[in-house]
Amino acid sequence: WSHCLDGRRYAVASYRMLQKQRPIEMYHFSPPVRA
């Protein structure tokens, strides 16, 4: 039960580390790991 949740996690974690918060569209392919 983690694949789409990983899509959120990687995108948001990467975005938060790499950019200032502003409206942005992000996509992510989910890996087989935890959410």
PDB file of all heavy atoms in Angstrom:
ATOM      1  N   TRP A   1       0.817  -1.209   0.000  1.00  0.00           N
ATOM      2  CA  TRP A   1       0.000   0.000   0.000  1.00  0.00           C
ATOM      3  C   TRP A   1       0.853   1.262   0.000  1.00  0.00           C
ATOM      4  O   TRP A   1       0.534   2.219   0.676  1.00  0.00           O
ATOM      5  CB  TRP A   1      -0.943  -0.004   1.209  1.00  0.00           C
ATOM      6  CG  TRP A   1      -1.766  -1.234   1.309  1.00  0.00           C
ATOM      7  CD1 TRP A   1      -1.619  -2.248   2.207  1.00  0.00           C
ATOM      8  CD2 TRP A   1      -2.862  -1.593   0.472  1.00  0.00           C
ATOM      9  NE1 TRP A   1      -2.558  -3.209   1.982  1.00  0.00           N
ATOM     10  CE2 TRP A   1      -3.343  -2.837   0.918  1.00  0.00           C
ATOM     11  CE3 TRP A   1      -3.488  -0.982  -0.618  1.00  0.00           C
ATOM     12  CZ2 TRP A   1      -4.405  -3.483   0.318  1.00  0.00           C
ATOM     13  CZ3 TRP A   1      -4.555  -1.637  -1.215  1.00  0.00           C
ATOM     14  CH2 TRP A   1      -5.005  -2.868  -0.752  1.00  0.00           C
ATOM     15  N   SER A   2       1.931   1.289  -0.748  1.00  0.00           N
ATOM     16  CA  SER A   2       2.842   2.434  -0.642  1.00  0.00           C
ATOM     17  C   SER A   2       3.185   3.133  -1.945  1.00  0.00           C
ATOM     18  O   SER A   2       3.840   4.163  -1.922  1.00  0.00           O
ATOM     19  CB  SER A   2       4.147   1.973   0.014  1.00  0.00           C
ATOM     20  OG  SER A   2       4.821   1.041  -0.814  1.00  0.00           O
ATOM     21  N   HIS A   3       2.777   2.650  -3.067  1.00  0.00           N
ATOM     22  CA  HIS A   3       3.304   3.144  -4.347  1.00  0.00           C
ATOM     23  C   HIS A   3       2.891   4.579  -4.678  1.00  0.00           C
ATOM     24  O   HIS A   3       3.741   5.411  -5.003  1.00  0.00           O
ATOM     25  CB  HIS A   3       2.940   2.176  -5.464  1.00  0.00           C
ATOM     26  CG  HIS A   3       3.367   0.780  -5.139  1.00  0.00           C
ATOM     27  ND1 HIS A   3       4.692   0.405  -5.114  1.00  0.00           N
ATOM     28  CD2 HIS A   3       2.659  -0.296  -4.760  1.00  0.00           C
ATOM     29  CE1 HIS A   3       4.772  -0.860  -4.757  1.00  0.00           C
ATOM     30  NE2 HIS A   3       3.558  -1.311  -4.533  1.00  0.00           N
ATOM     31  N   CYS A   4       1.619   4.891  -4.597  1.00  0.00           N
ATOM     32  CA  CYS A   4       1.193   6.280  -4.846  1.00  0.00           C
ATOM     33  C   CYS A   4       1.634   7.196  -3.709  1.00  0.00           C
ATOM     34  O   CYS A   4       1.973   8.360  -3.935  1.00  0.00           O
ATOM     35  CB  CYS A   4      -0.313   6.360  -5.018  1.00  0.00           C
ATOM     36  SG  CYS A   4      -0.908   5.605  -6.552  1.00  0.00           S
ATOM     37  N   LEU A   5       1.663   6.663  -2.498  1.00  0.00           N
ATOM     38  CA  LEU A   5       2.122   7.454  -1.358  1.00  0.00           C
ATOM     39  C   LEU A   5       3.585   7.842  -1.528  1.00  0.00           C
ATOM     40  O   LEU A   5       3.995   8.943  -1.169  1.00  0.00           O
ATOM     41  CB  LEU A   5       1.921   6.677  -0.062  1.00  0.00           C
ATOM     42  CG  LEU A   5       0.477   6.277   0.258  1.00  0.00           C
ATOM     43  CD1 LEU A   5       0.426   5.471   1.540  1.00  0.00           C
ATOM     44  CD2 LEU A   5      -0.413   7.486   0.333  1.00  0.00           C
ATOM     45  N   ASP A   6       4.369   6.938  -2.100  1.00  0.00           N
ATOM     46  CA  ASP A   6       5.764   7.260  -2.387  1.00  0.00           C
ATOM     47  C   ASP A   6       5.857   8.379  -3.415  1.00  0.00           C
ATOM     48  O   ASP A   6       6.784   9.177  -3.387  1.00  0.00           O
ATOM     49  CB  ASP A   6       6.511   6.035  -2.903  1.00  0.00           C
ATOM     50  CG  ASP A   6       6.703   4.976  -1.836  1.00  0.00           C
ATOM     51  OD1 ASP A   6       6.752   5.330  -0.640  1.00  0.00           O
ATOM     52  OD2 ASP A   6       6.794   3.798  -2.194  1.00  0.00           O
ATOM     53  N   GLY A   7       4.883   8.431  -4.316  1.00  0.00           N
ATOM     54  CA  GLY A   7       4.831   9.507  -5.299  1.00  0.00           C
ATOM     55  C   GLY A   7       4.733  10.866  -4.637  1.00  0.00           C
ATOM     56  O   GLY A   7       5.274  11.852  -5.135  1.00  0.00           O
ATOM     57  N   ARG A   8       4.036  10.924  -3.544  1.00  0.00           N
ATOM     58  CA  ARG A   8       3.979  12.171  -2.772  1.00  0.00           C
ATOM     59  C   ARG A   8       5.291  12.392  -2.035  1.00  0.00           C
ATOM     60  O   ARG A   8       5.846  13.478  -2.052  1.00  0.00           O
ATOM     61  CB  ARG A   8       2.869  12.094  -1.730  1.00  0.00           C
ATOM     62  CG  ARG A   8       1.521  12.441  -2.217  1.00  0.00           C
ATOM     63  CD  ARG A   8       0.559  12.398  -1.060  1.00  0.00           C
ATOM     64  NE  ARG A   8      -0.626  13.162  -1.387  1.00  0.00           N
ATOM     65  CZ  ARG A   8      -1.672  13.229  -0.590  1.00  0.00           C
ATOM     66  NH1 ARG A   8      -1.686  12.598   0.551  1.00  0.00           N
ATOM     67  NH2 ARG A   8      -2.715  13.945  -0.941  1.00  0.00           N
ATOM     68  N   ARG A   9       5.757  11.369  -1.374  1.00  0.00           N
ATOM     69  CA  ARG A   9       6.906  11.508  -0.483  1.00  0.00           C
ATOM     70  C   ARG A   9       8.164  11.968  -1.221  1.00  0.00           C
ATOM     71  O   ARG A   9       8.809  12.924  -0.810  1.00  0.00           O
ATOM     72  CB  ARG A   9       7.164  10.174   0.229  1.00  0.00           C
ATOM     73  CG  ARG A   9       8.265  10.226   1.241  1.00  0.00           C
ATOM     74  CD  ARG A   9       8.350   8.938   2.028  1.00  0.00           C
ATOM     75  NE  ARG A   9       8.592   7.767   1.215  1.00  0.00           N
ATOM     76  CZ  ARG A   9       9.781   7.383   0.791  1.00  0.00           C
ATOM     77  NH1 ARG A   9      10.857   8.089   1.082  1.00  0.00           N
ATOM     78  NH2 ARG A   9       9.914   6.297   0.076  1.00  0.00           N
ATOM     79  N   TYR A  10       8.515  11.312  -2.317  1.00  0.00           N
ATOM     80  CA  TYR A  10       9.733  11.703  -3.037  1.00  0.00           C
ATOM     81  C   TYR A  10       9.614  13.101  -3.624  1.00  0.00           C
ATOM     82  O   TYR A  10      10.543  13.888  -3.555  1.00  0.00           O
ATOM     83  CB  TYR A  10      10.071  10.713  -4.155  1.00  0.00           C
ATOM     84  CG  TYR A  10      10.934   9.582  -3.683  1.00  0.00           C
ATOM     85  CD1 TYR A  10      10.501   8.281  -3.778  1.00  0.00           C
ATOM     86  CD2 TYR A  10      12.185   9.819  -3.135  1.00  0.00           C
ATOM     87  CE1 TYR A  10      11.283   7.240  -3.349  1.00  0.00           C
ATOM     88  CE2 TYR A  10      12.974   8.781  -2.694  1.00  0.00           C
ATOM     89  CZ  TYR A  10      12.521   7.492  -2.801  1.00  0.00           C
ATOM     90  OH  TYR A  10      13.301   6.458  -2.377  1.00  0.00           O
ATOM     91  N   ALA A  11       8.468  13.402  -4.205  1.00  0.00           N
ATOM     92  CA  ALA A  11       8.306  14.719  -4.827  1.00  0.00           C
ATOM     93  C   ALA A  11       8.356  15.831  -3.788  1.00  0.00           C
ATOM     94  O   ALA A  11       9.072  16.822  -3.959  1.00  0.00           O
ATOM     95  CB  ALA A  11       7.002  14.771  -5.611  1.00  0.00           C
ATOM     96  N   VAL A  12       7.612  15.671  -2.700  1.00  0.00           N
ATOM     97  CA  VAL A  12       7.558  16.723  -1.686  1.00  0.00           C
ATOM     98  C   VAL A  12       8.894  16.868  -0.966  1.00  0.00           C
ATOM     99  O   VAL A  12       9.382  17.980  -0.771  1.00  0.00           O
ATOM    100  CB  VAL A  12       6.411  16.459  -0.673  1.00  0.00           C
ATOM    101  CG1 VAL A  12       6.480  17.418   0.496  1.00  0.00           C
ATOM    102  CG2 VAL A  12       5.074  16.584  -1.385  1.00  0.00           C
ATOM    103  N   ALA A  13       9.520  15.752  -0.595  1.00  0.00           N
ATOM    104  CA  ALA A  13      10.813  15.829   0.089  1.00  0.00           C
ATOM    105  C   ALA A  13      11.865  16.477  -0.811  1.00  0.00           C
ATOM    106  O   ALA A  13      12.637  17.323  -0.361  1.00  0.00           O
ATOM    107  CB  ALA A  13      11.275  14.443   0.524  1.00  0.00           C
ATOM    108  N   SER A  14      11.870  16.119  -2.076  1.00  0.00           N
ATOM    109  CA  SER A  14      12.844  16.692  -3.009  1.00  0.00           C
ATOM    110  C   SER A  14      12.570  18.170  -3.227  1.00  0.00           C
ATOM    111  O   SER A  14      13.487  19.000  -3.223  1.00  0.00           O
ATOM    112  CB  SER A  14      12.793  15.946  -4.344  1.00  0.00           C
ATOM    113  OG  SER A  14      13.139  14.591  -4.160  1.00  0.00           O
ATOM    114  N   TYR A  15      11.309  18.513  -3.408  1.00  0.00           N
ATOM    115  CA  TYR A  15      10.924  19.910  -3.601  1.00  0.00           C
ATOM    116  C   TYR A  15      11.309  20.751  -2.393  1.00  0.00           C
ATOM    117  O   TYR A  15      11.889  21.823  -2.526  1.00  0.00           O
ATOM    118  CB  TYR A  15       9.424  19.980  -3.858  1.00  0.00           C
ATOM    119  CG  TYR A  15       8.833  21.360  -3.714  1.00  0.00           C
ATOM    120  CD1 TYR A  15       9.079  22.332  -4.669  1.00  0.00           C
ATOM    121  CD2 TYR A  15       8.027  21.676  -2.627  1.00  0.00           C
ATOM    122  CE1 TYR A  15       8.536  23.600  -4.538  1.00  0.00           C
ATOM    123  CE2 TYR A  15       7.482  22.932  -2.498  1.00  0.00           C
ATOM    124  CZ  TYR A  15       7.745  23.897  -3.454  1.00  0.00           C
ATOM    125  OH  TYR A  15       7.210  25.140  -3.318  1.00  0.00           O
ATOM    126  N   ARG A  16      11.020  20.258  -1.199  1.00  0.00           N
ATOM    127  CA  ARG A  16      11.298  21.015   0.023  1.00  0.00           C
ATOM    128  C   ARG A  16      12.798  21.201   0.221  1.00  0.00           C
ATOM    129  O   ARG A  16      13.226  22.196   0.781  1.00  0.00           O
ATOM    130  CB  ARG A  16      10.692  20.312   1.239  1.00  0.00           C
ATOM    131  CG  ARG A  16       9.181  20.246   1.236  1.00  0.00           C
ATOM    132  CD  ARG A  16       8.556  21.524   1.599  1.00  0.00           C
ATOM    133  NE  ARG A  16       8.945  21.829   2.973  1.00  0.00           N
ATOM    134  CZ  ARG A  16       8.534  22.859   3.644  1.00  0.00           C
ATOM    135  NH1 ARG A  16       7.724  23.709   3.100  1.00  0.00           N
ATOM    136  NH2 ARG A  16       8.932  23.068   4.863  1.00  0.00           N
ATOM    137  N   MET A  17      13.588  20.270  -0.230  1.00  0.00           N
ATOM    138  CA  MET A  17      15.037  20.385  -0.084  1.00  0.00           C
ATOM    139  C   MET A  17      15.646  21.288  -1.148  1.00  0.00           C
ATOM    140  O   MET A  17      16.654  21.923  -0.914  1.00  0.00           O
ATOM    141  CB  MET A  17      15.696  19.003  -0.179  1.00  0.00           C
ATOM    142  CG  MET A  17      15.465  18.127   1.029  1.00  0.00           C
ATOM    143  SD  MET A  17      16.224  18.771   2.518  1.00  0.00           S
ATOM    144  CE  MET A  17      17.946  18.593   2.136  1.00  0.00           C
ATOM    145  N   LEU A  18      15.039  21.347  -2.320  1.00  0.00           N
ATOM    146  CA  LEU A  18      15.683  21.999  -3.457  1.00  0.00           C
ATOM    147  C   LEU A  18      15.138  23.379  -3.812  1.00  0.00           C
ATOM    148  O   LEU A  18      15.780  24.126  -4.520  1.00  0.00           O
ATOM    149  CB  LEU A  18      15.573  21.085  -4.688  1.00  0.00           C
ATOM    150  CG  LEU A  18      16.197  19.704  -4.524  1.00  0.00           C
ATOM    151  CD1 LEU A  18      15.874  18.842  -5.729  1.00  0.00           C
ATOM    152  CD2 LEU A  18      17.687  19.792  -4.305  1.00  0.00           C
ATOM    153  N   GLN A  19      13.929  23.719  -3.339  1.00  0.00           N
ATOM    154  CA  GLN A  19      13.340  24.987  -3.746  1.00  0.00           C
ATOM    155  C   GLN A  19      12.603  25.642  -2.593  1.00  0.00           C
ATOM    156  O   GLN A  19      12.207  24.993  -1.646  1.00  0.00           O
ATOM    157  CB  GLN A  19      12.349  24.747  -4.889  1.00  0.00           C
ATOM    158  CG  GLN A  19      12.999  24.154  -6.105  1.00  0.00           C
ATOM    159  CD  GLN A  19      11.991  23.973  -7.221  1.00  0.00           C
ATOM    160  OE1 GLN A  19      10.863  24.435  -7.147  1.00  0.00           O
ATOM    161  NE2 GLN A  19      12.407  23.310  -8.270  1.00  0.00           N
ATOM    162  N   LYS A  20      12.372  26.918  -2.717  1.00  0.00           N
ATOM    163  CA  LYS A  20      11.521  27.616  -1.749  1.00  0.00           C
ATOM    164  C   LYS A  20      10.080  27.255  -2.037  1.00  0.00           C
ATOM    165  O   LYS A  20       9.730  26.942  -3.161  1.00  0.00           O
ATOM    166  CB  LYS A  20      11.715  29.133  -1.868  1.00  0.00           C
ATOM    167  CG  LYS A  20      13.092  29.592  -1.479  1.00  0.00           C
ATOM    168  CD  LYS A  20      13.145  31.101  -1.553  1.00  0.00           C
ATOM    169  CE  LYS A  20      14.571  31.532  -1.360  1.00  0.00           C
ATOM    170  NZ  LYS A  20      14.825  32.182  -0.153  1.00  0.00           N
ATOM    171  N   GLN A  21       9.240  27.345  -1.021  1.00  0.00           N
ATOM    172  CA  GLN A  21       7.841  26.961  -1.191  1.00  0.00           C
ATOM    173  C   GLN A  21       7.105  27.974  -2.067  1.00  0.00           C
ATOM    174  O   GLN A  21       7.092  29.148  -1.802  1.00  0.00           O
ATOM    175  CB  GLN A  21       7.160  26.878   0.169  1.00  0.00           C
ATOM    176  CG  GLN A  21       5.764  26.336   0.086  1.00  0.00           C
ATOM    177  CD  GLN A  21       5.170  26.129   1.456  1.00  0.00           C
ATOM    178  OE1 GLN A  21       5.869  26.059   2.435  1.00  0.00           O
ATOM    179  NE2 GLN A  21       3.866  26.038   1.510  1.00  0.00           N
ATOM    180  N   ARG A  22       6.504  27.474  -3.132  1.00  0.00           N
ATOM    181  CA  ARG A  22       5.653  28.256  -4.027  1.00  0.00           C
ATOM    182  C   ARG A  22       4.806  27.265  -4.815  1.00  0.00           C
ATOM    183  O   ARG A  22       5.132  26.086  -4.858  1.00  0.00           O
ATOM    184  CB  ARG A  22       6.483  29.117  -4.966  1.00  0.00           C
ATOM    185  CG  ARG A  22       7.411  28.337  -5.866  1.00  0.00           C
ATOM    186  CD  ARG A  22       8.236  29.290  -6.748  1.00  0.00           C
ATOM    187  NE  ARG A  22       9.259  28.577  -7.447  1.00  0.00           N
ATOM    188  CZ  ARG A  22       9.074  27.866  -8.546  1.00  0.00           C
ATOM    189  NH1 ARG A  22       7.893  27.742  -9.071  1.00  0.00           N
ATOM    190  NH2 ARG A  22      10.081  27.235  -9.123  1.00  0.00           N
ATOM    191  N   PRO A  23       3.715  27.690  -5.424  1.00  0.00           N
ATOM    192  CA  PRO A  23       2.913  26.737  -6.195  1.00  0.00           C
ATOM    193  C   PRO A  23       3.757  26.107  -7.299  1.00  0.00           C
ATOM    194  O   PRO A  23       4.456  26.799  -8.038  1.00  0.00           O
ATOM    195  CB  PRO A  23       1.800  27.604  -6.792  1.00  0.00           C
ATOM    196  CG  PRO A  23       1.710  28.771  -5.875  1.00  0.00           C
ATOM    197  CD  PRO A  23       3.108  29.008  -5.381  1.00  0.00           C
ATOM    198  N   ILE A  24       3.735  24.788  -7.370  1.00  0.00           N
ATOM    199  CA  ILE A  24       4.528  24.069  -8.364  1.00  0.00           C
ATOM    200  C   ILE A  24       3.862  22.724  -8.637  1.00  0.00           C
ATOM    201  O   ILE A  24       3.267  22.137  -7.748  1.00  0.00           O
ATOM    202  CB  ILE A  24       5.978  23.874  -7.882  1.00  0.00           C
ATOM    203  CG1 ILE A  24       6.843  23.253  -8.971  1.00  0.00           C
ATOM    204  CG2 ILE A  24       6.041  23.045  -6.617  1.00  0.00           C
ATOM    205  CD1 ILE A  24       8.310  23.261  -8.665  1.00  0.00           C
ATOM    206  N   GLU A  25       3.948  22.258  -9.857  1.00  0.00           N
ATOM    207  CA  GLU A  25       3.456  20.935 -10.197  1.00  0.00           C
ATOM    208  C   GLU A  25       4.639  19.988 -10.199  1.00  0.00           C
ATOM    209  O   GLU A  25       5.714  20.320 -10.691  1.00  0.00           O
ATOM    210  CB  GLU A  25       2.798  20.942 -11.572  1.00  0.00           C
ATOM    211  CG  GLU A  25       1.533  21.750 -11.623  1.00  0.00           C
ATOM    212  CD  GLU A  25       0.870  21.702 -12.974  1.00  0.00           C
ATOM    213  OE1 GLU A  25       1.474  21.175 -13.929  1.00  0.00           O
ATOM    214  OE2 GLU A  25      -0.263  22.188 -13.084  1.00  0.00           O
ATOM    215  N   MET A  26       4.434  18.812  -9.624  1.00  0.00           N
ATOM    216  CA  MET A  26       5.505  17.823  -9.547  1.00  0.00           C
ATOM    217  C   MET A  26       4.925  16.459  -9.874  1.00  0.00           C
ATOM    218  O   MET A  26       3.807  16.147  -9.491  1.00  0.00           O
ATOM    219  CB  MET A  26       6.077  17.760  -8.136  1.00  0.00           C
ATOM    220  CG  MET A  26       6.632  19.057  -7.638  1.00  0.00           C
ATOM    221  SD  MET A  26       7.041  18.930  -5.896  1.00  0.00           S
ATOM    222  CE  MET A  26       5.424  19.035  -5.147  1.00  0.00           C
ATOM    223  N   TYR A  27       5.692  15.631 -10.541  1.00  0.00           N
ATOM    224  CA  TYR A  27       5.302  14.254 -10.804  1.00  0.00           C
ATOM    225  C   TYR A  27       6.350  13.361 -10.164  1.00  0.00           C
ATOM    226  O   TYR A  27       7.468  13.758  -9.917  1.00  0.00           O
ATOM    227  CB  TYR A  27       5.286  13.957 -12.307  1.00  0.00           C
ATOM    228  CG  TYR A  27       4.207  14.679 -13.049  1.00  0.00           C
ATOM    229  CD1 TYR A  27       4.430  15.925 -13.600  1.00  0.00           C
ATOM    230  CD2 TYR A  27       2.957  14.099 -13.196  1.00  0.00           C
ATOM    231  CE1 TYR A  27       3.440  16.575 -14.302  1.00  0.00           C
ATOM    232  CE2 TYR A  27       1.958  14.747 -13.902  1.00  0.00           C
ATOM    233  CZ  TYR A  27       2.220  15.976 -14.453  1.00  0.00           C
ATOM    234  OH  TYR A  27       1.237  16.611 -15.156  1.00  0.00           O
ATOM    235  N   HIS A  28       5.970  12.115  -9.942  1.00  0.00           N
ATOM    236  CA  HIS A  28       6.912  11.167  -9.378  1.00  0.00           C
ATOM    237  C   HIS A  28       6.518   9.747  -9.744  1.00  0.00           C
ATOM    238  O   HIS A  28       5.361   9.394  -9.711  1.00  0.00           O
ATOM    239  CB  HIS A  28       6.954  11.272  -7.855  1.00  0.00           C
ATOM    240  CG  HIS A  28       7.710  10.149  -7.256  1.00  0.00           C
ATOM    241  ND1 HIS A  28       9.067  10.088  -7.319  1.00  0.00           N
ATOM    242  CD2 HIS A  28       7.305   9.028  -6.652  1.00  0.00           C
ATOM    243  CE1 HIS A  28       9.459   8.971  -6.757  1.00  0.00           C
ATOM    244  NE2 HIS A  28       8.401   8.312  -6.351  1.00  0.00           N
ATOM    245  N   PHE A  29       7.512   8.933 -10.086  1.00  0.00           N
ATOM    246  CA  PHE A  29       7.308   7.505 -10.231  1.00  0.00           C
ATOM    247  C   PHE A  29       7.626   6.876  -8.903  1.00  0.00           C
ATOM    248  O   PHE A  29       8.691   7.096  -8.346  1.00  0.00           O
ATOM    249  CB  PHE A  29       8.249   6.914 -11.291  1.00  0.00           C
ATOM    250  CG  PHE A  29       7.838   7.266 -12.673  1.00  0.00           C
ATOM    251  CD1 PHE A  29       8.549   8.181 -13.404  1.00  0.00           C
ATOM    252  CD2 PHE A  29       6.715   6.690 -13.240  1.00  0.00           C
ATOM    253  CE1 PHE A  29       8.173   8.507 -14.684  1.00  0.00           C
ATOM    254  CE2 PHE A  29       6.332   7.018 -14.513  1.00  0.00           C
ATOM    255  CZ  PHE A  29       7.066   7.923 -15.238  1.00  0.00           C
ATOM    256  N   SER A  30       6.724   6.067  -8.385  1.00  0.00           N
ATOM    257  CA  SER A  30       6.925   5.518  -7.046  1.00  0.00           C
ATOM    258  C   SER A  30       7.869   4.339  -7.042  1.00  0.00           C
ATOM    259  O   SER A  30       7.796   3.481  -7.893  1.00  0.00           O
ATOM    260  CB  SER A  30       5.598   5.098  -6.435  1.00  0.00           C
ATOM    261  OG  SER A  30       5.114   3.952  -7.091  1.00  0.00           O
ATOM    262  N   PRO A  31       8.744   4.313  -6.046  1.00  0.00           N
ATOM    263  CA  PRO A  31       9.627   3.164  -5.849  1.00  0.00           C
ATOM    264  C   PRO A  31       8.949   2.182  -4.886  1.00  0.00           C
ATOM    265  O   PRO A  31       8.009   2.539  -4.194  1.00  0.00           O
ATOM    266  CB  PRO A  31      10.853   3.776  -5.202  1.00  0.00           C
ATOM    267  CG  PRO A  31      10.276   4.889  -4.405  1.00  0.00           C
ATOM    268  CD  PRO A  31       9.133   5.434  -5.226  1.00  0.00           C
ATOM    269  N   PRO A  32       9.441   0.986  -4.809  1.00  0.00           N
ATOM    270  CA  PRO A  32       8.870   0.036  -3.867  1.00  0.00           C
ATOM    271  C   PRO A  32       9.442   0.200  -2.470  1.00  0.00           C
ATOM    272  O   PRO A  32      10.223  -0.625  -2.006  1.00  0.00           O
ATOM    273  CB  PRO A  32       9.278  -1.317  -4.480  1.00  0.00           C
ATOM    274  CG  PRO A  32      10.542  -1.028  -5.189  1.00  0.00           C
ATOM    275  CD  PRO A  32      10.406   0.382  -5.708  1.00  0.00           C
ATOM    276  N   VAL A  33       9.104   1.295  -1.808  1.00  0.00           N
ATOM    277  CA  VAL A  33       9.550   1.525  -0.440  1.00  0.00           C
ATOM    278  C   VAL A  33       8.411   2.054   0.401  1.00  0.00           C
ATOM    279  O   VAL A  33       7.291   2.180  -0.070  1.00  0.00           O
ATOM    280  CB  VAL A  33      10.744   2.512  -0.373  1.00  0.00           C
ATOM    281  CG1 VAL A  33      11.970   1.939  -1.040  1.00  0.00           C
ATOM    282  CG2 VAL A  33      10.381   3.842  -0.990  1.00  0.00           C
ATOM    283  N   ARG A  34       8.694   2.413   1.636  1.00  0.00           N
ATOM    284  CA  ARG A  34       7.679   2.843   2.587  1.00  0.00           C
ATOM    285  C   ARG A  34       7.086   4.194   2.270  1.00  0.00           C
ATOM    286  O   ARG A  34       7.676   4.988   1.576  1.00  0.00           O
ATOM    287  CB  ARG A  34       8.290   2.900   3.990  1.00  0.00           C
ATOM    288  CG  ARG A  34       8.755   1.564   4.450  1.00  0.00           C
ATOM    289  CD  ARG A  34       9.488   1.765   5.695  1.00  0.00           C
ATOM    290  NE  ARG A  34      10.879   2.017   5.309  1.00  0.00           N
ATOM    291  CZ  ARG A  34      11.903   1.863   6.084  1.00  0.00           C
ATOM    292  NH1 ARG A  34      11.734   1.486   7.308  1.00  0.00           N
ATOM    293  NH2 ARG A  34      13.110   2.093   5.657  1.00  0.00           N
ATOM    294  N   ALA A  35       5.936   4.452   2.851  1.00  0.00           N
ATOM    295  CA  ALA A  35       5.294   5.766   2.755  1.00  0.00           C
ATOM    296  C   ALA A  35       5.085   6.299   4.156  1.00  0.00           C
ATOM    297  O   ALA A  35       6.007   6.252   4.948  1.00  0.00           O
ATOM    298  CB  ALA A  35       3.981   5.646   1.995  1.00  0.00           C
TER     299      ALA A  35
END
